[in-house]
Structure formats: structure tokens, C-alpha cells
Amino acid sequence: MKTEEITLSIDQSGIRLIYQGLPLCNDKHSIDEIYLVCKMYKCDLPKSAWNGIKGCWVHTQTIEGEL
């Protein structure tokens, strides 16, 4: 799995890890849960995430404040 093809998506229902347009997990409610999914798939946490609430890209470090 190519790490550069993995993104995060945020919306009202939570955060999910996306690979080639398909979710790798169900909606999570904390970045710690996303870390566990990344660990399971042996990939790095993406540095940016799509914030569907605001309609823009955000830094992964700021996700906790987005929920």
C-alpha cells in the first residue's frame, strides 16, 4: 500500500482513513483511533486531512480541534 495515496477525511460523523477513494475503517472519533488503524495497515499518518465540514485541507495535527 502506497502511503502517499492515503488520506484522512473529517466530517460530522467522524474521521476515516481513505486509500484510493475507499475507507479503510469505520468512522473514528479520535486521532488515537486513527493511529491504531495506521499501525494495523503499516502506514504513516497523513500530514494533511480533508475537512468536509469546512471544505478545505487542514494539518493532521489540528484534527482534535476540528471535532
PDB file of N, CA and C in Angstrom:
ATOM      1  N   MET A   1       0.853  -1.171   0.000  1.00  0.00           N
ATOM      2  CA  MET A   1       0.000   0.000   0.000  1.00  0.00           C
ATOM      3  C   MET A   1       0.898   1.233   0.000  1.00  0.00           C
ATOM      4  N   LYS A   2       0.668   2.147  -0.927  1.00  0.00           N
ATOM      5  CA  LYS A   2       1.477   3.357  -1.031  1.00  0.00           C
ATOM      6  C   LYS A   2       0.981   4.407  -0.047  1.00  0.00           C
ATOM      7  N   THR A   3       1.845   4.792   0.871  1.00  0.00           N
ATOM      8  CA  THR A   3       1.475   5.750   1.915  1.00  0.00           C
ATOM      9  C   THR A   3       1.012   7.080   1.340  1.00  0.00           C
ATOM     10  N   GLU A   4       1.611   7.519   0.220  1.00  0.00           N
ATOM     11  CA  GLU A   4       1.225   8.815  -0.342  1.00  0.00           C
ATOM     12  C   GLU A   4      -0.189   8.819  -0.917  1.00  0.00           C
ATOM     13  N   GLU A   5      -0.794   7.661  -1.104  1.00  0.00           N
ATOM     14  CA  GLU A   5      -2.164   7.577  -1.612  1.00  0.00           C
ATOM     15  C   GLU A   5      -3.196   7.523  -0.486  1.00  0.00           C
ATOM     16  N   ILE A   6      -2.747   7.581   0.762  1.00  0.00           N
ATOM     17  CA  ILE A   6      -3.643   7.514   1.906  1.00  0.00           C
ATOM     18  C   ILE A   6      -3.960   8.925   2.385  1.00  0.00           C
ATOM     19  N   THR A   7      -5.231   9.199   2.618  1.00  0.00           N
ATOM     20  CA  THR A   7      -5.660  10.495   3.128  1.00  0.00           C
ATOM     21  C   THR A   7      -6.596  10.298   4.314  1.00  0.00           C
ATOM     22  N   LEU A   8      -6.850  11.379   5.018  1.00  0.00           N
ATOM     23  CA  LEU A   8      -7.835  11.389   6.088  1.00  0.00           C
ATOM     24  C   LEU A   8      -9.002  12.244   5.639  1.00  0.00           C
ATOM     25  N   SER A   9     -10.176  11.881   6.072  1.00  0.00           N
ATOM     26  CA  SER A   9     -11.372  12.660   5.778  1.00  0.00           C
ATOM     27  C   SER A   9     -12.135  12.897   7.080  1.00  0.00           C
ATOM     28  N   ILE A  10     -12.547  14.147   7.296  1.00  0.00           N
ATOM     29  CA  ILE A  10     -13.269  14.523   8.506  1.00  0.00           C
ATOM     30  C   ILE A  10     -14.637  15.058   8.106  1.00  0.00           C
ATOM     31  N   ASP A  11     -15.661  14.633   8.815  1.00  0.00           N
ATOM     32  CA  ASP A  11     -16.980  15.254   8.674  1.00  0.00           C
ATOM     33  C   ASP A  11     -17.723  15.129   9.998  1.00  0.00           C
ATOM     34  N   GLN A  12     -18.997  15.420  10.008  1.00  0.00           N
ATOM     35  CA  GLN A  12     -19.765  15.423  11.252  1.00  0.00           C
ATOM     36  C   GLN A  12     -19.796  14.060  11.930  1.00  0.00           C
ATOM     37  N   SER A  13     -19.666  12.989  11.156  1.00  0.00           N
ATOM     38  CA  SER A  13     -19.757  11.655  11.750  1.00  0.00           C
ATOM     39  C   SER A  13     -18.428  11.132  12.270  1.00  0.00           C
ATOM     40  N   GLY A  14     -17.303  11.789  11.944  1.00  0.00           N
ATOM     41  CA  GLY A  14     -16.016  11.370  12.480  1.00  0.00           C
ATOM     42  C   GLY A  14     -14.881  11.488  11.488  1.00  0.00           C
ATOM     43  N   ILE A  15     -13.812  10.722  11.760  1.00  0.00           N
ATOM     44  CA  ILE A  15     -12.606  10.712  10.928  1.00  0.00           C
ATOM     45  C   ILE A  15     -12.469   9.317  10.333  1.00  0.00           C
ATOM     46  N   ARG A  16     -12.033   9.266   9.072  1.00  0.00           N
ATOM     47  CA  ARG A  16     -11.773   7.966   8.471  1.00  0.00           C
ATOM     48  C   ARG A  16     -10.516   8.037   7.625  1.00  0.00           C
ATOM     49  N   LEU A  17      -9.829   6.913   7.503  1.00  0.00           N
ATOM     50  CA  LEU A  17      -8.640   6.781   6.684  1.00  0.00           C
ATOM     51  C   LEU A  17      -9.083   6.291   5.310  1.00  0.00           C
ATOM     52  N   ILE A  18      -8.626   6.958   4.249  1.00  0.00           N
ATOM     53  CA  ILE A  18      -9.056   6.655   2.885  1.00  0.00           C
ATOM     54  C   ILE A  18      -7.858   6.214   2.053  1.00  0.00           C
ATOM     55  N   TYR A  19      -8.018   5.139   1.291  1.00  0.00           N
ATOM     56  CA  TYR A  19      -6.987   4.668   0.360  1.00  0.00           C
ATOM     57  C   TYR A  19      -7.626   4.461  -1.001  1.00  0.00           C
ATOM     58  N   GLN A  20      -7.137   5.157  -1.999  1.00  0.00           N
ATOM     59  CA  GLN A  20      -7.657   5.088  -3.366  1.00  0.00           C
ATOM     60  C   GLN A  20      -9.172   5.287  -3.400  1.00  0.00           C
ATOM     61  N   GLY A  21      -9.656   6.219  -2.609  1.00  0.00           N
ATOM     62  CA  GLY A  21     -11.071   6.568  -2.608  1.00  0.00           C
ATOM     63  C   GLY A  21     -11.969   5.688  -1.759  1.00  0.00           C
ATOM     64  N   LEU A  22     -11.412   4.668  -1.135  1.00  0.00           N
ATOM     65  CA  LEU A  22     -12.212   3.755  -0.315  1.00  0.00           C
ATOM     66  C   LEU A  22     -11.797   3.842   1.149  1.00  0.00           C
ATOM     67  N   PRO A  23     -12.761   3.845   2.072  1.00  0.00           N
ATOM     68  CA  PRO A  23     -12.415   3.911   3.500  1.00  0.00           C
ATOM     69  C   PRO A  23     -11.755   2.616   3.972  1.00  0.00           C
ATOM     70  N   LEU A  24     -10.731   2.761   4.797  1.00  0.00           N
ATOM     71  CA  LEU A  24     -10.049   1.604   5.382  1.00  0.00           C
ATOM     72  C   LEU A  24     -10.617   1.253   6.753  1.00  0.00           C
ATOM     73  N   CYS A  25     -11.494   2.100   7.271  1.00  0.00           N
ATOM     74  CA  CYS A  25     -12.058   1.864   8.595  1.00  0.00           C
ATOM     75  C   CYS A  25     -13.417   2.560   8.695  1.00  0.00           C
ATOM     76  N   ASN A  26     -14.140   2.204   9.729  1.00  0.00           N
ATOM     77  CA  ASN A  26     -15.383   2.914  10.003  1.00  0.00           C
ATOM     78  C   ASN A  26     -15.049   4.261  10.638  1.00  0.00           C
ATOM     79  N   ASP A  27     -16.025   5.092  10.877  1.00  0.00           N
ATOM     80  CA  ASP A  27     -15.786   6.419  11.444  1.00  0.00           C
ATOM     81  C   ASP A  27     -15.194   6.307  12.845  1.00  0.00           C
ATOM     82  N   LYS A  28     -14.105   7.043  13.054  1.00  0.00           N
ATOM     83  CA  LYS A  28     -13.443   7.095  14.357  1.00  0.00           C
ATOM     84  C   LYS A  28     -13.687   8.476  14.949  1.00  0.00           C
ATOM     85  N   HIS A  29     -13.553   8.583  16.275  1.00  0.00           N
ATOM     86  CA  HIS A  29     -13.846   9.846  16.947  1.00  0.00           C
ATOM     87  C   HIS A  29     -12.640  10.476  17.630  1.00  0.00           C
ATOM     88  N   SER A  30     -11.455   9.871  17.436  1.00  0.00           N
ATOM     89  CA  SER A  30     -10.241  10.476  17.989  1.00  0.00           C
ATOM     90  C   SER A  30      -9.058  10.122  17.092  1.00  0.00           C
ATOM     91  N   ILE A  31      -8.039  10.936  17.166  1.00  0.00           N
ATOM     92  CA  ILE A  31      -6.834  10.694  16.378  1.00  0.00           C
ATOM     93  C   ILE A  31      -6.107   9.444  16.873  1.00  0.00           C
ATOM     94  N   ASP A  32      -6.256   9.092  18.145  1.00  0.00           N
ATOM     95  CA  ASP A  32      -5.637   7.881  18.684  1.00  0.00           C
ATOM     96  C   ASP A  32      -6.185   6.632  17.996  1.00  0.00           C
ATOM     97  N   GLU A  33      -7.475   6.630  17.710  1.00  0.00           N
ATOM     98  CA  GLU A  33      -8.076   5.500  16.997  1.00  0.00           C
ATOM     99  C   GLU A  33      -7.526   5.409  15.574  1.00  0.00           C
ATOM    100  N   ILE A  34      -7.298   6.558  14.942  1.00  0.00           N
ATOM    101  CA  ILE A  34      -6.733   6.582  13.596  1.00  0.00           C
ATOM    102  C   ILE A  34      -5.296   6.067  13.608  1.00  0.00           C
ATOM    103  N   TYR A  35      -4.524   6.415  14.650  1.00  0.00           N
ATOM    104  CA  TYR A  35      -3.157   5.889  14.786  1.00  0.00           C
ATOM    105  C   TYR A  35      -3.166   4.362  14.800  1.00  0.00           C
ATOM    106  N   LEU A  36      -4.123   3.765  15.501  1.00  0.00           N
ATOM    107  CA  LEU A  36      -4.207   2.305  15.563  1.00  0.00           C
ATOM    108  C   LEU A  36      -4.513   1.706  14.198  1.00  0.00           C
ATOM    109  N   VAL A  37      -5.361   2.359  13.420  1.00  0.00           N
ATOM    110  CA  VAL A  37      -5.672   1.886  12.065  1.00  0.00           C
ATOM    111  C   VAL A  37      -4.419   1.976  11.195  1.00  0.00           C
ATOM    112  N   CYS A  38      -3.689   3.088  11.294  1.00  0.00           N
ATOM    113  CA  CYS A  38      -2.435   3.239  10.542  1.00  0.00           C
ATOM    114  C   CYS A  38      -1.441   2.145  10.917  1.00  0.00           C
ATOM    115  N   LYS A  39      -1.361   1.850  12.194  1.00  0.00           N
ATOM    116  CA  LYS A  39      -0.458   0.804  12.666  1.00  0.00           C
ATOM    117  C   LYS A  39      -0.858  -0.549  12.079  1.00  0.00           C
ATOM    118  N   MET A  40      -2.150  -0.820  12.045  1.00  0.00           N
ATOM    119  CA  MET A  40      -2.645  -2.083  11.509  1.00  0.00           C
ATOM    120  C   MET A  40      -2.277  -2.231  10.028  1.00  0.00           C
ATOM    121  N   TYR A  41      -2.387  -1.141   9.264  1.00  0.00           N
ATOM    122  CA  TYR A  41      -2.060  -1.174   7.838  1.00  0.00           C
ATOM    123  C   TYR A  41      -0.588  -0.866   7.556  1.00  0.00           C
ATOM    124  N   LYS A  42       0.192  -0.652   8.612  1.00  0.00           N
ATOM    125  CA  LYS A  42       1.632  -0.374   8.500  1.00  0.00           C
ATOM    126  C   LYS A  42       1.897   0.816   7.579  1.00  0.00           C
ATOM    127  N   CYS A  43       1.206   1.908   7.858  1.00  0.00           N
ATOM    128  CA  CYS A  43       1.393   3.135   7.084  1.00  0.00           C
ATOM    129  C   CYS A  43       1.553   4.310   8.038  1.00  0.00           C
ATOM    130  N   ASP A  44       2.069   5.398   7.518  1.00  0.00           N
ATOM    131  CA  ASP A  44       2.233   6.612   8.306  1.00  0.00           C
ATOM    132  C   ASP A  44       0.927   7.407   8.324  1.00  0.00           C
ATOM    133  N   LEU A  45       0.738   8.160   9.367  1.00  0.00           N
ATOM    134  CA  LEU A  45      -0.409   9.049   9.441  1.00  0.00           C
ATOM    135  C   LEU A  45      -0.205  10.175   8.429  1.00  0.00           C
ATOM    136  N   PRO A  46      -1.172  10.416   7.547  1.00  0.00           N
ATOM    137  CA  PRO A  46      -1.012  11.510   6.579  1.00  0.00           C
ATOM    138  C   PRO A  46      -0.812  12.848   7.283  1.00  0.00           C
ATOM    139  N   LYS A  47      -0.043  13.732   6.660  1.00  0.00           N
ATOM    140  CA  LYS A  47       0.256  15.037   7.246  1.00  0.00           C
ATOM    141  C   LYS A  47      -0.901  16.021   7.087  1.00  0.00           C
ATOM    142  N   SER A  48      -1.817  15.749   6.154  1.00  0.00           N
ATOM    143  CA  SER A  48      -2.966  16.632   5.970  1.00  0.00           C
ATOM    144  C   SER A  48      -4.236  15.799   5.861  1.00  0.00           C
ATOM    145  N   ALA A  49      -5.361  16.460   6.070  1.00  0.00           N
ATOM    146  CA  ALA A  49      -6.651  15.790   6.042  1.00  0.00           C
ATOM    147  C   ALA A  49      -7.683  16.688   5.363  1.00  0.00           C
ATOM    148  N   TRP A  50      -8.641  16.074   4.691  1.00  0.00           N
ATOM    149  CA  TRP A  50      -9.724  16.828   4.084  1.00  0.00           C
ATOM    150  C   TRP A  50     -10.796  17.057   5.141  1.00  0.00           C
ATOM    151  N   ASN A  51     -11.091  18.322   5.415  1.00  0.00           N
ATOM    152  CA  ASN A  51     -12.138  18.677   6.366  1.00  0.00           C
ATOM    153  C   ASN A  51     -13.403  18.950   5.572  1.00  0.00           C
ATOM    154  N   GLY A  52     -14.295  17.986   5.549  1.00  0.00           N
ATOM    155  CA  GLY A  52     -15.543  18.114   4.807  1.00  0.00           C
ATOM    156  C   GLY A  52     -16.512  19.104   5.421  1.00  0.00           C
ATOM    157  N   ILE A  53     -16.307  19.447   6.672  1.00  0.00           N
ATOM    158  CA  ILE A  53     -17.167  20.423   7.335  1.00  0.00           C
ATOM    159  C   ILE A  53     -16.852  21.824   6.807  1.00  0.00           C
ATOM    160  N   LYS A  54     -15.564  22.140   6.721  1.00  0.00           N
ATOM    161  CA  LYS A  54     -15.124  23.457   6.249  1.00  0.00           C
ATOM    162  C   LYS A  54     -14.884  23.502   4.747  1.00  0.00           C
ATOM    163  N   GLY A  55     -14.701  22.330   4.130  1.00  0.00           N
ATOM    164  CA  GLY A  55     -14.424  22.270   2.708  1.00  0.00           C
ATOM    165  C   GLY A  55     -13.013  22.687   2.352  1.00  0.00           C
ATOM    166  N   CYS A  56     -12.033  22.289   3.189  1.00  0.00           N
ATOM    167  CA  CYS A  56     -10.632  22.647   2.915  1.00  0.00           C
ATOM    168  C   CYS A  56      -9.712  21.598   3.537  1.00  0.00           C
ATOM    169  N   TRP A  57      -8.432  21.641   3.112  1.00  0.00           N
ATOM    170  CA  TRP A  57      -7.417  20.765   3.686  1.00  0.00           C
ATOM    171  C   TRP A  57      -6.885  21.384   4.965  1.00  0.00           C
ATOM    172  N   VAL A  58      -6.635  20.558   5.984  1.00  0.00           N
ATOM    173  CA  VAL A  58      -6.087  21.002   7.264  1.00  0.00           C
ATOM    174  C   VAL A  58      -4.910  20.109   7.629  1.00  0.00           C
ATOM    175  N   HIS A  59      -4.049  20.595   8.524  1.00  0.00           N
ATOM    176  CA  HIS A  59      -2.947  19.783   9.022  1.00  0.00           C
ATOM    177  C   HIS A  59      -3.488  18.741   9.986  1.00  0.00           C
ATOM    178  N   THR A  60      -2.955  17.547   9.913  1.00  0.00           N
ATOM    179  CA  THR A  60      -3.403  16.458  10.777  1.00  0.00           C
ATOM    180  C   THR A  60      -3.268  16.814  12.254  1.00  0.00           C
ATOM    181  N   GLN A  61      -2.255  17.602  12.588  1.00  0.00           N
ATOM    182  CA  GLN A  61      -2.024  17.983  13.982  1.00  0.00           C
ATOM    183  C   GLN A  61      -3.206  18.764  14.564  1.00  0.00           C
ATOM    184  N   THR A  62      -4.019  19.382  13.733  1.00  0.00           N
ATOM    185  CA  THR A  62      -5.127  20.215  14.228  1.00  0.00           C
ATOM    186  C   THR A  62      -6.465  19.482  14.257  1.00  0.00           C
ATOM    187  N   ILE A  63      -6.463  18.202  13.947  1.00  0.00           N
ATOM    188  CA  ILE A  63      -7.723  17.459  13.828  1.00  0.00           C
ATOM    189  C   ILE A  63      -8.522  17.445  15.113  1.00  0.00           C
ATOM    190  N   GLU A  64      -7.880  17.232  16.251  1.00  0.00           N
ATOM    191  CA  GLU A  64      -8.609  17.149  17.518  1.00  0.00           C
ATOM    192  C   GLU A  64      -9.475  18.382  17.745  1.00  0.00           C
ATOM    193  N   GLY A  65      -9.006  19.538  17.318  1.00  0.00           N
ATOM    194  CA  GLY A  65      -9.780  20.768  17.467  1.00  0.00           C
ATOM    195  C   GLY A  65     -10.910  20.883  16.469  1.00  0.00           C
ATOM    196  N   GLU A  66     -10.912  20.042  15.422  1.00  0.00           N
ATOM    197  CA  GLU A  66     -11.938  20.103  14.377  1.00  0.00           C
ATOM    198  C   GLU A  66     -13.202  19.350  14.766  1.00  0.00           C
ATOM    199  N   LEU A  67     -13.070  18.378  15.675  1.00  0.00           N
ATOM    200  CA  LEU A  67     -14.220  17.536  16.015  1.00  0.00           C
ATOM    201  C   LEU A  67     -15.086  18.131  17.092  1.00  0.00           C
TER     202      LEU A  67
END
